[in-house]
Amino acid sequence: MKTLLKPAIAAAMAMAAVTAAPAAAQVTGKIATVNASEVVIKTSAFQSAYQQIDTTYATQRTTIQQRSQERQTLLAQLDTNSDKRLDEAEQQAAQGTPQFTRIQAIETEVQQLSAQIDRARAYAVEQVLRQYVTALQAVVQAENIQVVLSPDSFVFIQPAAQISDKVVTRLNAAAPTVSFTPPADWQPARETVAIFQEIQQVLLLAQAQRAQAAQQQAAQPAAQPAPSGR
């Protein structure tokens, strides 16, 4: 599967990453932009798969949270100067202690559990990408687009030139759901890994922004009731 899939994904990435300068100099016609990671994240298949993965791997996710909390407790025991970090001296002193040995075991376990979840997620992403080339080509033909560039290639672009949502619509119609259970011998294509990493960064950033917004909202003083008139 990997041998057949890799060229298709690579072709899609190439279509979305043509350099801007030659295109502007040599191409006459419509130019558009598409963000592959954004497209995948917005698809129904991706969102459904990630939700199902969270449910399927709920035990692993709970264990990861529990082990992370345990690790923080153990680190606090080794933080002799209570500065919330282990300096070099504290790290040296921790060598061979029961806490240090347990922390190493926790990190290995968490890494293994996280790898199970990430493997399922990456497989789901790859299944969406299998349909991405066809969907992108369909939009390009329907819109009579001559060149598709990545968003980073532009200094300024009109909103109408952004075709990511149109590709999402095509993908939702073609593949409303995808599998997230990889075969035992499955290995992700290099392009899948690149897109998956981009997606994880986007999701982590969005999660951090939501957490920050929630903290700011919680820190705001409650509105005082307006005094009633007599």
Protein backbone atom coordinates (compact mmCIF):
# COMPACT_ATOMS: atom_id res chain seq x y z
CA MET A 1 0.00 0.00 0.00
CA LYS A 2 2.73 2.40 0.89
CA THR A 3 4.33 2.13 -2.56
CA LEU A 4 1.04 3.04 -4.28
CA LEU A 5 0.02 5.72 -1.83
CA LYS A 6 3.25 7.63 -1.53
CA PRO A 7 3.36 9.00 -5.11
CA ALA A 8 -0.27 10.10 -4.87
CA ILE A 9 0.28 12.05 -1.68
CA ALA A 10 3.54 13.45 -2.98
CA ALA A 11 1.73 14.65 -6.09
CA ALA A 12 -0.86 16.40 -3.97
CA MET A 13 1.80 18.08 -1.88
CA ALA A 14 3.57 19.17 -5.04
CA MET A 15 0.38 20.68 -6.43
CA ALA A 16 -0.04 22.68 -3.22
CA ALA A 17 3.59 23.80 -2.96
CA VAL A 18 4.55 25.24 -6.34
CA THR A 19 6.88 28.21 -5.93
CA ALA A 20 5.19 31.57 -6.38
CA ALA A 21 7.77 33.47 -8.47
CA PRO A 22 7.85 31.21 -11.56
CA ALA A 23 4.06 30.93 -11.49
CA ALA A 24 3.61 34.69 -11.48
CA ALA A 25 6.10 35.08 -14.33
CA GLN A 26 4.98 32.27 -16.62
CA VAL A 27 1.34 31.39 -15.91
CA THR A 28 -1.68 33.30 -17.17
CA GLY A 29 -4.94 32.32 -15.54
CA LYS A 30 -6.49 31.69 -12.17
CA ILE A 31 -4.17 31.04 -9.25
CA ALA A 32 -5.49 29.53 -6.04
CA THR A 33 -4.22 28.46 -2.66
CA VAL A 34 -4.95 25.39 -0.56
CA ASN A 35 -3.75 24.24 2.84
CA ALA A 36 -3.61 20.45 3.02
CA SER A 37 -3.53 20.27 6.82
CA GLU A 38 -6.47 22.64 7.11
CA VAL A 39 -8.42 20.62 4.57
CA VAL A 40 -7.86 17.34 6.43
CA ILE A 41 -8.81 18.83 9.81
CA LYS A 42 -12.07 20.23 8.46
CA THR A 43 -13.27 17.00 6.86
CA SER A 44 -16.08 15.03 8.45
CA ALA A 45 -14.00 11.86 8.11
CA PHE A 46 -11.11 13.28 10.12
CA GLN A 47 -13.29 14.69 12.88
CA SER A 48 -15.31 11.51 13.17
CA ALA A 49 -12.20 9.33 13.21
CA TYR A 50 -10.51 11.40 15.92
CA GLN A 51 -13.64 11.28 18.09
CA GLN A 52 -13.87 7.51 17.68
CA ILE A 53 -10.17 7.12 18.44
CA ASP A 54 -10.62 9.08 21.68
CA THR A 55 -13.38 6.64 22.64
CA THR A 56 -11.60 3.49 21.49
CA TYR A 57 -8.38 4.44 23.28
CA ALA A 58 -10.05 5.93 26.35
CA THR A 59 -8.24 3.51 28.66
CA GLN A 60 -4.86 4.47 27.23
CA ARG A 61 -5.67 8.18 27.48
CA THR A 62 -6.76 7.83 31.10
CA THR A 63 -3.61 5.89 31.95
CA ILE A 64 -1.46 8.56 30.30
CA GLN A 65 -3.12 11.26 32.41
CA GLN A 66 -2.68 9.23 35.60
CA ARG A 67 0.96 8.46 34.85
CA SER A 68 1.66 12.11 34.01
CA GLN A 69 0.25 13.19 37.35
CA GLU A 70 2.29 10.51 39.13
CA ARG A 71 5.41 11.71 37.31
CA GLN A 72 4.82 15.28 38.47
CA THR A 73 4.47 14.08 42.06
CA LEU A 74 7.73 12.13 41.84
CA LEU A 75 9.56 15.06 40.26
CA ALA A 76 8.38 17.28 43.11
CA GLN A 77 9.96 14.86 45.58
CA LEU A 78 13.30 15.20 43.78
CA ASP A 79 13.04 19.01 43.59
CA THR A 80 14.92 19.66 46.81
CA ASN A 81 15.05 23.45 46.42
CA SER A 82 11.36 23.69 45.40
CA ASP A 83 12.00 25.81 42.31
CA LYS A 84 9.68 23.67 40.13
CA ARG A 85 12.57 22.29 38.09
CA LEU A 86 15.39 19.79 38.44
CA ASP A 87 18.76 21.45 38.07
CA GLU A 88 21.90 19.51 37.20
CA ALA A 89 22.78 18.82 40.83
CA GLU A 90 19.30 17.53 41.58
CA GLN A 91 19.38 15.31 38.50
CA GLN A 92 22.69 13.83 39.57
CA ALA A 93 21.39 13.22 43.08
CA ALA A 94 18.26 11.57 41.70
CA GLN A 95 20.19 8.88 39.85
CA GLY A 96 19.42 5.45 41.26
CA THR A 97 16.61 6.60 43.55
CA PRO A 98 13.27 4.76 43.50
CA GLN A 99 11.61 7.93 42.24
CA PHE A 100 14.00 8.24 39.30
CA THR A 101 13.58 4.58 38.36
CA ARG A 102 9.81 4.93 38.49
CA ILE A 103 9.90 8.11 36.36
CA GLN A 104 11.86 6.26 33.68
CA ALA A 105 9.30 3.43 33.70
CA ILE A 106 6.46 5.95 33.44
CA GLU A 107 8.05 7.72 30.49
CA THR A 108 8.49 4.43 28.65
CA GLU A 109 4.89 3.40 29.32
CA VAL A 110 3.48 6.78 28.28
CA GLN A 111 5.54 6.73 25.09
CA GLN A 112 4.19 3.29 24.18
CA LEU A 113 0.58 4.22 24.91
CA SER A 114 0.88 7.50 23.01
CA ALA A 115 2.35 5.64 20.05
CA GLN A 116 -0.75 3.43 19.88
CA ILE A 117 -3.03 6.47 19.70
CA ASP A 118 -0.84 8.36 17.25
CA ARG A 119 -0.61 5.33 14.99
CA ALA A 120 -4.41 5.18 14.71
CA ARG A 121 -4.61 8.93 14.12
CA ALA A 122 -1.91 8.89 11.45
CA TYR A 123 -3.67 6.03 9.68
CA ALA A 124 -6.92 8.00 9.62
CA VAL A 125 -5.08 11.03 8.23
CA GLU A 126 -3.53 8.88 5.51
CA GLN A 127 -6.95 7.56 4.50
CA VAL A 128 -8.19 11.12 4.04
CA LEU A 129 -5.09 12.00 2.06
CA ARG A 130 -5.76 9.08 -0.27
CA GLN A 131 -8.83 11.02 -1.46
CA TYR A 132 -7.19 14.44 -1.31
CA VAL A 133 -5.56 14.33 -4.76
CA THR A 134 -8.80 13.49 -6.53
CA ALA A 135 -10.76 16.13 -4.62
CA LEU A 136 -8.15 18.81 -5.32
CA GLN A 137 -8.03 17.96 -9.00
CA ALA A 138 -11.82 18.10 -9.23
CA VAL A 139 -11.87 21.61 -7.75
CA VAL A 140 -9.02 22.73 -10.03
CA GLN A 141 -10.89 21.52 -13.10
CA ALA A 142 -14.25 22.90 -12.01
CA GLU A 143 -12.78 26.32 -11.25
CA ASN A 144 -10.49 26.34 -14.30
CA ILE A 145 -7.48 26.99 -12.06
CA GLN A 146 -4.06 27.06 -13.67
CA VAL A 147 -1.82 26.99 -10.59
CA VAL A 148 -2.34 25.98 -6.96
CA LEU A 149 0.08 27.39 -4.39
CA SER A 150 0.57 26.92 -0.67
CA PRO A 151 -0.61 29.86 1.50
CA ASP A 152 2.99 30.62 2.49
CA SER A 153 3.73 31.51 -1.13
CA PHE A 154 1.51 34.59 -1.01
CA VAL A 155 2.08 38.06 0.41
CA PHE A 156 -1.55 38.97 -0.28
CA ILE A 157 -4.46 36.97 -1.65
CA GLN A 158 -8.13 37.60 -2.19
CA PRO A 159 -10.42 35.32 -0.13
CA ALA A 160 -11.96 33.96 -3.33
CA ALA A 161 -8.61 32.36 -4.23
CA GLN A 162 -8.70 30.15 -1.13
CA ILE A 163 -10.09 26.79 -2.25
CA SER A 164 -9.50 24.73 0.90
CA ASP A 165 -13.20 24.73 1.84
CA LYS A 166 -14.15 23.63 -1.67
CA VAL A 167 -11.75 20.71 -1.42
CA VAL A 168 -13.26 19.85 1.98
CA THR A 169 -16.72 19.75 0.41
CA ARG A 170 -15.48 17.34 -2.25
CA LEU A 171 -13.78 15.15 0.33
CA ASN A 172 -16.88 15.03 2.56
CA ALA A 173 -18.89 13.80 -0.39
CA ALA A 174 -16.32 11.25 -1.52
CA ALA A 175 -15.25 9.90 1.88
CA PRO A 176 -17.55 10.85 4.77
CA THR A 177 -15.80 8.30 6.99
CA VAL A 178 -12.44 6.54 7.03
CA SER A 179 -10.91 3.65 8.93
CA PHE A 180 -8.54 4.30 11.80
CA THR A 181 -7.44 0.70 12.39
CA PRO A 182 -4.15 0.13 10.58
CA PRO A 183 -3.02 -3.32 9.43
CA ALA A 184 -0.30 -4.89 11.55
CA ASP A 185 2.37 -4.29 8.92
CA TRP A 186 1.30 -0.72 8.05
CA GLN A 187 3.90 2.03 8.03
CA PRO A 188 2.92 5.65 7.26
CA ALA A 189 4.22 7.32 4.13
CA ARG A 190 6.72 10.13 4.70
CA GLU A 191 4.19 12.68 3.45
CA THR A 192 1.60 11.33 5.89
CA VAL A 193 3.99 11.85 8.78
CA ALA A 194 4.65 15.45 7.69
CA ILE A 195 0.95 16.32 7.42
CA PHE A 196 0.13 14.46 10.65
CA GLN A 197 2.76 16.45 12.55
CA GLU A 198 1.39 19.71 11.15
CA ILE A 199 -2.12 18.70 12.20
CA GLN A 200 -1.01 17.80 15.72
CA GLN A 201 0.69 21.19 16.07
CA VAL A 202 -2.45 22.98 14.91
CA LEU A 203 -4.62 21.03 17.34
CA LEU A 204 -2.23 21.60 20.26
CA LEU A 205 -2.14 25.32 19.53
CA ALA A 206 -5.91 25.49 19.40
CA GLN A 207 -6.12 23.58 22.68
CA ALA A 208 -3.66 25.95 24.33
CA GLN A 209 -5.61 28.97 23.07
CA ARG A 210 -8.86 27.57 24.46
CA ALA A 211 -7.21 26.91 27.82
CA GLN A 212 -5.77 30.42 27.92
CA ALA A 213 -9.14 31.94 27.03
CA ALA A 214 -10.81 29.89 29.78
CA GLN A 215 -8.22 31.05 32.32
CA GLN A 216 -8.68 34.67 31.34
CA GLN A 217 -12.43 34.37 31.59
CA ALA A 218 -12.17 32.71 35.02
CA ALA A 219 -9.82 35.48 36.23
CA GLN A 220 -12.24 38.23 35.33
CA PRO A 221 -14.18 39.55 38.33
CA ALA A 222 -17.87 38.81 38.36
CA ALA A 223 -19.99 41.66 37.08
CA GLN A 224 -21.45 43.72 39.87
CA PRO A 225 -25.26 43.99 39.81
CA ALA A 226 -26.53 47.43 38.89
CA PRO A 227 -27.92 49.34 41.87
CA SER A 228 -31.69 49.39 41.95
CA GLY A 229 -33.36 52.78 41.87
CA ARG A 230 -35.73 54.01 44.49
